[in-house]
Amino acid sequence: MNPVSMNCCKGFFLTLKTHLVVCLSALSLTCMASTGGVQPSPVTVESLVFTCTPITGPLGNTVGVTIPLKRAGRLFLIEATLDHVTGNFILDTGASGLVLNKTYFRNSIPVDNEEGGGVTGSTGQVSRTTVKHLQVADLSYQNIAADVMPLGHLENRRGVKILGLFGMSMLLNMEMVIDLRNNELQLLRLDKSGNTVEPGFPKIKFDILQKIDEYGNIMFVRASIGGKLLGFCLDTGAESNVMSIDLPKKALSTITITRRSSLNGVGSDENEVLYGTLNDFLMGTRQIATMETILCSLSDMARQYGYPIDGMLGYDFFSKGKIYINLIKKEIGICLKPEGKS
């Protein structure tokens, strides 16, 4: 693909999942009729596929850092200082790099003929800028290219200032330890072989250990539903799991549908969304206990990823235990928590 067509591809898909956030926010109204007037908590499925420039990872010699995670609903925020502005970023492993909220970064440069598109229509023009300095705990970044888009809908719904999304290319050469039970993100620097350089770091016995696929700085894992091996994006920016409505019939038959609704967004189309429970989800030979999910069409996302995506694993998945992601060995390790414990 030549640079021009790649830019068009990036612009088309850049805001697909952010657009889906807007659409899913509307469900809180349309679902009331089918839930007896009880308004369900809205969810987001934030993610991006590309940023405009690769990032080599944080500067300095820090070998390990623990960053507190703040909660905003089912979103997890980290505090950072960007060019003398301090605020919250959504930890989003479904985003490939740094994304800024246009509310606070209006001096970005619009990209000609690049417009975001989502499941129900256009979401506006894409802009880009360069961040001179970004500091997260002891991690320091300089001269980072970033995409800029409106994220005001997230702020309005959660009542918290959000500067942007903190994606995967910000964490290269690190091992991530995502511990939602203790609201912590631990980052450990790795050597070229993917081993931690932290002295005396204990050997972990995982309940699940398997390879991950990486495409455009987005991580994918394989798991089985109803005996069908499927591909899922790992996405801490999603407040719910999302499954494709086009899953094989045998896989869909294991999902208990709890309610349905129409999905309306800024575009002109209307799509149906189903809410359900995953009853038969296996990673390797280990079954993971029931998880809530949304079912909707992901055909556009799969096409733009260039990867056969069957779903996204969000908060409901990451809350199942302590999760280790090694970005050099391309492995995910999971220490499952006992069921019934928060």
Protein backbone atom coordinates (compact mmCIF):
# COMPACT_ATOMS: atom_id res chain seq x y z
CA MET A 1 0.00 0.00 0.00
CA ASN A 2 1.45 3.40 -0.97
CA PRO A 3 1.71 6.27 1.59
CA VAL A 4 -1.31 8.10 0.20
CA SER A 5 -3.65 5.11 0.42
CA MET A 6 -2.26 4.19 3.85
CA ASN A 7 -3.02 7.71 5.10
CA CYS A 8 -6.57 7.39 3.80
CA CYS A 9 -6.88 4.04 5.56
CA LYS A 10 -5.61 5.55 8.81
CA GLY A 11 -7.97 8.48 8.53
CA PHE A 12 -10.96 6.26 7.82
CA PHE A 13 -10.49 3.95 10.77
CA LEU A 14 -8.83 6.27 13.24
CA THR A 15 -12.03 7.18 15.08
CA LEU A 16 -14.07 4.02 14.48
CA LYS A 17 -14.09 2.89 18.08
CA THR A 18 -14.28 6.41 19.48
CA HIS A 19 -17.33 6.85 17.28
CA LEU A 20 -18.74 3.61 18.68
CA VAL A 21 -18.47 5.21 22.13
CA VAL A 22 -20.86 7.94 21.04
CA CYS A 23 -23.21 5.35 19.60
CA LEU A 24 -23.20 3.19 22.72
CA SER A 25 -23.86 6.20 24.92
CA ALA A 26 -27.21 6.55 23.18
CA LEU A 27 -28.14 3.04 24.29
CA SER A 28 -28.88 4.26 27.80
CA LEU A 29 -32.06 5.84 26.43
CA THR A 30 -33.17 3.21 23.93
CA CYS A 31 -32.60 0.36 26.39
CA MET A 32 -34.93 1.78 29.03
CA ALA A 33 -37.97 0.49 27.19
CA SER A 34 -36.69 -3.08 27.30
CA THR A 35 -35.39 -2.96 30.89
CA GLY A 36 -38.45 -1.59 32.65
CA GLY A 37 -37.07 1.95 32.81
CA VAL A 38 -33.85 0.89 34.54
CA GLN A 39 -31.02 2.63 32.75
CA PRO A 40 -27.97 0.39 32.27
CA SER A 41 -24.50 1.82 32.78
CA PRO A 42 -23.17 3.07 29.41
CA VAL A 43 -19.98 1.46 28.17
CA THR A 44 -17.17 2.51 25.91
CA VAL A 45 -15.01 0.55 23.55
CA GLU A 46 -12.21 3.03 22.90
CA SER A 47 -9.44 2.04 20.52
CA LEU A 48 -7.45 3.23 17.54
CA VAL A 49 -5.50 1.35 14.95
CA PHE A 50 -2.71 3.73 13.98
CA THR A 51 -0.75 6.76 15.10
CA CYS A 52 1.27 8.75 12.64
CA THR A 53 4.80 8.04 13.94
CA PRO A 54 6.29 5.00 15.74
CA ILE A 55 7.55 5.58 19.28
CA THR A 56 10.65 3.85 20.59
CA GLY A 57 9.60 3.79 24.25
CA PRO A 58 10.39 5.94 27.28
CA LEU A 59 13.78 7.57 27.82
CA GLY A 60 16.09 7.06 30.77
CA ASN A 61 17.26 4.03 32.74
CA THR A 62 14.20 3.33 34.87
CA VAL A 63 13.97 -0.45 35.30
CA GLY A 64 10.58 -0.55 36.98
CA VAL A 65 7.76 1.73 38.02
CA THR A 66 4.34 1.27 39.59
CA ILE A 67 1.67 3.70 38.40
CA PRO A 68 -1.62 4.09 40.31
CA LEU A 69 -4.74 3.55 38.23
CA LYS A 70 -7.67 5.86 38.89
CA ARG A 71 -11.17 4.70 38.03
CA ALA A 72 -13.80 6.53 36.05
CA GLY A 73 -16.58 4.01 35.79
CA ARG A 74 -14.91 1.04 34.13
CA LEU A 75 -12.20 3.18 32.55
CA PHE A 76 -8.73 3.26 34.07
CA LEU A 77 -6.81 6.52 34.11
CA ILE A 78 -3.16 7.35 34.64
CA GLU A 79 -1.92 10.84 35.52
CA ALA A 80 0.61 12.48 33.22
CA THR A 81 2.10 15.90 32.54
CA LEU A 82 2.16 16.96 28.90
CA ASP A 83 3.99 20.18 27.99
CA HIS A 84 3.28 21.62 31.47
CA VAL A 85 -0.38 20.48 31.49
CA THR A 86 -1.22 17.79 34.06
CA GLY A 87 -4.23 15.55 33.67
CA ASN A 88 -5.66 12.09 33.10
CA PHE A 89 -5.07 9.71 30.21
CA ILE A 90 -7.10 6.58 29.59
CA LEU A 91 -4.91 3.49 29.69
CA ASP A 92 -5.86 2.00 26.33
CA THR A 93 -4.10 -1.11 25.06
CA GLY A 94 -6.50 -1.01 22.12
CA ALA A 95 -4.85 2.22 20.93
CA SER A 96 -1.56 2.00 19.09
CA GLY A 97 -0.09 5.26 20.40
CA LEU A 98 -0.79 8.68 21.90
CA VAL A 99 -4.14 10.36 21.20
CA LEU A 100 -5.02 13.84 22.51
CA ASN A 101 -8.39 15.39 23.33
CA LYS A 102 -9.11 18.17 20.84
CA THR A 103 -10.76 20.20 23.61
CA TYR A 104 -7.33 21.01 25.05
CA PHE A 105 -5.12 20.75 21.97
CA ARG A 106 -6.78 22.87 19.31
CA ASN A 107 -3.53 23.97 17.65
CA SER A 108 -3.15 20.63 15.92
CA ILE A 109 -2.84 20.49 12.13
CA PRO A 110 -5.81 19.00 10.23
CA VAL A 111 -4.86 16.31 7.73
CA ASP A 112 -6.27 17.04 4.28
CA ASN A 113 -8.95 14.63 3.09
CA GLU A 114 -8.68 12.44 6.20
CA GLU A 115 -11.93 11.94 8.01
CA GLY A 116 -12.83 9.45 10.70
CA GLY A 117 -15.59 6.96 10.04
CA GLY A 118 -17.52 4.68 12.34
CA VAL A 119 -20.26 2.10 12.45
CA THR A 120 -23.00 4.65 11.74
CA GLY A 121 -21.27 7.42 9.78
CA SER A 122 -18.61 10.13 9.73
CA THR A 123 -17.11 11.51 12.94
CA GLY A 124 -15.04 14.42 11.67
CA GLN A 125 -11.57 15.35 10.50
CA VAL A 126 -8.36 13.94 11.91
CA SER A 127 -5.65 16.30 13.22
CA ARG A 128 -2.08 15.70 14.29
CA THR A 129 0.43 17.47 16.49
CA THR A 130 3.80 16.95 18.20
CA VAL A 131 4.21 16.78 21.98
CA LYS A 132 7.54 18.17 23.17
CA HIS A 133 7.56 16.42 26.53
CA LEU A 134 5.40 13.88 28.33
CA GLN A 135 6.06 12.65 31.86
CA VAL A 136 4.32 9.64 33.45
CA ALA A 137 5.72 8.86 36.90
CA ASP A 138 9.43 8.17 36.18
CA LEU A 139 8.88 7.62 32.46
CA SER A 140 9.83 10.48 30.15
CA TYR A 141 9.04 10.95 26.45
CA GLN A 142 10.14 13.67 24.04
CA ASN A 143 8.96 14.89 20.61
CA ILE A 144 6.06 12.48 20.25
CA ALA A 145 3.74 12.61 17.25
CA ALA A 146 0.11 12.33 18.36
CA ASP A 147 -3.32 12.14 16.77
CA VAL A 148 -5.94 14.64 17.94
CA MET A 149 -9.70 14.03 18.06
CA PRO A 150 -12.75 15.04 20.11
CA LEU A 151 -13.05 13.07 23.36
CA GLY A 152 -15.50 15.42 25.09
CA HIS A 153 -18.21 12.77 25.19
CA LEU A 154 -16.05 10.71 27.56
CA GLU A 155 -15.47 13.67 29.85
CA ASN A 156 -19.13 14.65 29.90
CA ARG A 157 -20.33 11.17 30.72
CA ARG A 158 -17.71 10.45 33.37
CA GLY A 159 -17.39 13.96 34.82
CA VAL A 160 -13.60 13.89 34.73
CA LYS A 161 -11.01 15.79 32.69
CA ILE A 162 -9.40 13.50 30.10
CA LEU A 163 -6.38 14.74 28.14
CA GLY A 164 -6.23 11.73 25.87
CA LEU A 165 -5.52 8.03 25.38
CA PHE A 166 -2.25 6.35 26.38
CA GLY A 167 -1.67 3.54 23.88
CA MET A 168 0.63 0.61 23.29
CA SER A 169 3.55 2.18 21.41
CA MET A 170 4.18 4.27 24.55
CA LEU A 171 5.11 1.03 26.34
CA LEU A 172 7.53 -0.65 23.96
CA ASN A 173 10.39 -2.67 25.51
CA MET A 174 8.39 -2.97 28.73
CA GLU A 175 6.49 -5.71 30.49
CA MET A 176 3.05 -4.57 31.62
CA VAL A 177 1.49 -5.94 34.79
CA ILE A 178 -2.16 -4.89 34.87
CA ASP A 179 -3.60 -5.40 38.33
CA LEU A 180 -7.13 -4.01 38.41
CA ARG A 181 -7.83 -5.53 41.81
CA ASN A 182 -5.21 -3.24 43.37
CA ASN A 183 -5.64 -0.44 40.81
CA GLU A 184 -2.02 -0.61 39.69
CA LEU A 185 -0.06 -0.66 36.45
CA GLN A 186 3.46 -2.01 36.90
CA LEU A 187 5.97 -1.47 34.10
CA LEU A 188 9.25 -3.39 33.96
CA ARG A 189 11.97 -2.67 31.42
CA LEU A 190 13.04 -5.68 29.33
CA ASP A 191 16.35 -6.63 27.73
CA LYS A 192 16.64 -7.59 24.06
CA SER A 193 15.60 -11.16 24.86
CA GLY A 194 12.45 -10.02 26.64
CA ASN A 195 13.68 -10.76 30.15
CA THR A 196 13.17 -8.24 32.95
CA VAL A 197 16.22 -6.25 34.00
CA GLU A 198 14.72 -5.73 37.46
CA PRO A 199 17.09 -7.53 39.91
CA GLY A 200 15.46 -10.41 41.73
CA PHE A 201 12.11 -10.17 39.97
CA PRO A 202 10.29 -13.34 41.08
CA LYS A 203 9.43 -16.17 38.71
CA ILE A 204 5.68 -16.16 38.17
CA LYS A 205 3.54 -19.28 37.86
CA PHE A 206 0.72 -18.41 35.50
CA ASP A 207 -2.67 -20.05 35.26
CA ILE A 208 -2.63 -19.17 31.56
CA LEU A 209 0.42 -18.47 29.39
CA GLN A 210 0.17 -18.09 25.64
CA LYS A 211 1.42 -16.12 22.68
CA ILE A 212 -0.10 -12.89 21.44
CA ASP A 213 -0.16 -11.60 17.87
CA GLU A 214 0.85 -7.99 17.19
CA TYR A 215 -0.31 -5.89 14.27
CA GLY A 216 0.16 -2.13 14.06
CA ASN A 217 1.03 -2.04 17.79
CA ILE A 218 -2.33 -3.66 18.59
CA MET A 219 -2.36 -6.95 20.50
CA PHE A 220 -4.50 -9.95 19.62
CA VAL A 221 -5.02 -13.26 21.39
CA ARG A 222 -6.62 -16.54 20.38
CA ALA A 223 -9.39 -18.04 22.47
CA SER A 224 -12.21 -20.52 21.93
CA ILE A 225 -15.96 -20.05 22.20
CA GLY A 226 -18.11 -23.11 21.63
CA GLY A 227 -15.07 -25.01 20.36
CA LYS A 228 -14.30 -22.38 17.70
CA LEU A 229 -10.85 -20.76 17.81
CA LEU A 230 -11.27 -16.99 17.39
CA GLY A 231 -9.16 -13.80 17.43
CA PHE A 232 -9.66 -11.01 19.99
CA CYS A 233 -8.12 -7.57 20.50
CA LEU A 234 -6.82 -6.85 24.02
CA ASP A 235 -8.39 -3.52 24.95
CA THR A 236 -8.19 -1.94 28.41
CA GLY A 237 -10.03 1.06 26.97
CA ALA A 238 -13.21 -0.99 26.51
CA GLU A 239 -15.62 -0.94 29.45
CA SER A 240 -17.20 -4.14 28.17
CA ASN A 241 -16.23 -7.11 26.07
CA VAL A 242 -17.50 -6.83 22.51
CA MET A 243 -18.20 -9.85 20.29
CA SER A 244 -18.96 -9.91 16.59
CA ILE A 245 -22.55 -10.69 15.70
CA ASP A 246 -21.07 -12.71 12.82
CA LEU A 247 -19.41 -15.32 15.03
CA PRO A 248 -19.98 -18.94 13.95
CA LYS A 249 -23.39 -20.26 14.96
CA LYS A 250 -21.82 -22.79 17.34
CA ALA A 251 -20.05 -19.97 19.19
CA LEU A 252 -23.10 -17.71 19.25
CA SER A 253 -25.21 -20.54 20.68
CA THR A 254 -23.12 -20.47 23.89
CA ILE A 255 -23.90 -16.78 24.52
CA THR A 256 -27.00 -16.05 26.60
CA ILE A 257 -28.75 -12.96 25.20
CA THR A 258 -30.13 -10.76 27.99
CA ARG A 259 -31.51 -7.77 26.07
CA ARG A 260 -31.30 -5.91 22.78
CA SER A 261 -31.36 -2.32 21.60
CA SER A 262 -30.96 -0.08 18.58
CA LEU A 263 -27.60 1.65 18.23
CA ASN A 264 -27.82 5.26 17.03
CA GLY A 265 -24.86 7.59 16.52
CA VAL A 266 -23.90 10.71 14.64
CA GLY A 267 -24.28 8.91 11.32
CA SER A 268 -27.57 8.26 9.58
CA ASP A 269 -27.68 4.49 9.97
CA GLU A 270 -29.09 2.42 12.81
CA ASN A 271 -27.64 -0.89 13.99
CA GLU A 272 -28.84 -3.46 16.47
CA VAL A 273 -26.81 -4.25 19.57
CA LEU A 274 -27.33 -7.30 21.76
CA TYR A 275 -26.27 -7.67 25.38
CA GLY A 276 -25.34 -11.12 26.61
CA THR A 277 -23.23 -13.42 28.79
CA LEU A 278 -20.23 -15.43 27.60
CA ASN A 279 -20.66 -18.93 29.03
CA ASP A 280 -17.93 -20.92 27.27
CA PHE A 281 -14.72 -18.91 26.89
CA LEU A 282 -11.43 -20.85 26.87
CA MET A 283 -7.84 -19.65 26.60
CA GLY A 284 -5.73 -22.68 25.88
CA THR A 285 -7.29 -25.40 28.01
CA ARG A 286 -8.37 -23.06 30.81
CA GLN A 287 -11.97 -21.93 30.98
CA ILE A 288 -12.62 -18.38 32.16
CA ALA A 289 -15.77 -17.82 34.18
CA THR A 290 -18.81 -16.08 32.71
CA MET A 291 -18.31 -12.55 31.39
CA GLU A 292 -20.74 -9.92 30.16
CA THR A 293 -20.48 -8.83 26.52
CA ILE A 294 -22.02 -6.73 23.77
CA LEU A 295 -22.71 -8.22 20.34
CA CYS A 296 -22.62 -6.01 17.25
CA SER A 297 -21.17 -5.91 13.75
CA LEU A 298 -17.36 -5.67 13.66
CA SER A 299 -16.95 -6.27 9.93
CA ASP A 300 -15.60 -2.76 9.21
CA MET A 301 -13.14 -3.03 12.09
CA ALA A 302 -11.84 -6.39 10.89
CA ARG A 303 -11.36 -5.04 7.39
CA GLN A 304 -9.46 -1.96 8.55
CA TYR A 305 -7.33 -3.89 11.06
CA GLY A 306 -6.32 -6.27 8.29
CA TYR A 307 -6.81 -8.92 10.97
CA PRO A 308 -9.71 -11.38 11.43
CA ILE A 309 -10.99 -9.77 14.61
CA ASP A 310 -13.90 -11.62 16.24
CA GLY A 311 -14.17 -9.41 19.30
CA MET A 312 -12.53 -7.16 21.88
CA LEU A 313 -11.65 -8.17 25.42
CA GLY A 314 -12.21 -5.26 27.80
CA TYR A 315 -12.85 -4.60 31.47
CA ASP A 316 -14.75 -7.84 32.11
CA PHE A 317 -11.72 -9.81 30.90
CA PHE A 318 -8.99 -7.76 32.60
CA SER A 319 -10.83 -7.90 35.94
CA LYS A 320 -10.45 -11.71 36.01
CA GLY A 321 -6.98 -11.52 37.54
CA LYS A 322 -3.47 -10.09 37.29
CA ILE A 323 -2.37 -9.90 33.67
CA TYR A 324 1.22 -9.79 32.40
CA ILE A 325 1.96 -8.67 28.85
CA ASN A 326 5.51 -9.04 27.52
CA LEU A 327 5.86 -6.94 24.39
CA ILE A 328 9.18 -8.47 23.26
CA LYS A 329 8.38 -12.15 23.82
CA LYS A 330 4.81 -11.41 22.68
CA GLU A 331 3.31 -13.37 25.53
CA ILE A 332 0.38 -12.90 27.86
CA GLY A 333 0.36 -14.49 31.29
CA ILE A 334 -2.67 -14.51 33.55
CA CYS A 335 -2.90 -15.23 37.27
CA LEU A 336 -6.61 -15.79 37.76
CA LYS A 337 -8.19 -14.57 40.98
CA PRO A 338 -10.48 -16.90 42.95
CA GLU A 339 -14.07 -16.51 41.82
CA GLY A 340 -16.23 -14.44 44.15
CA LYS A 341 -13.41 -12.07 45.11
CA SER A 342 -13.44 -8.49 43.87
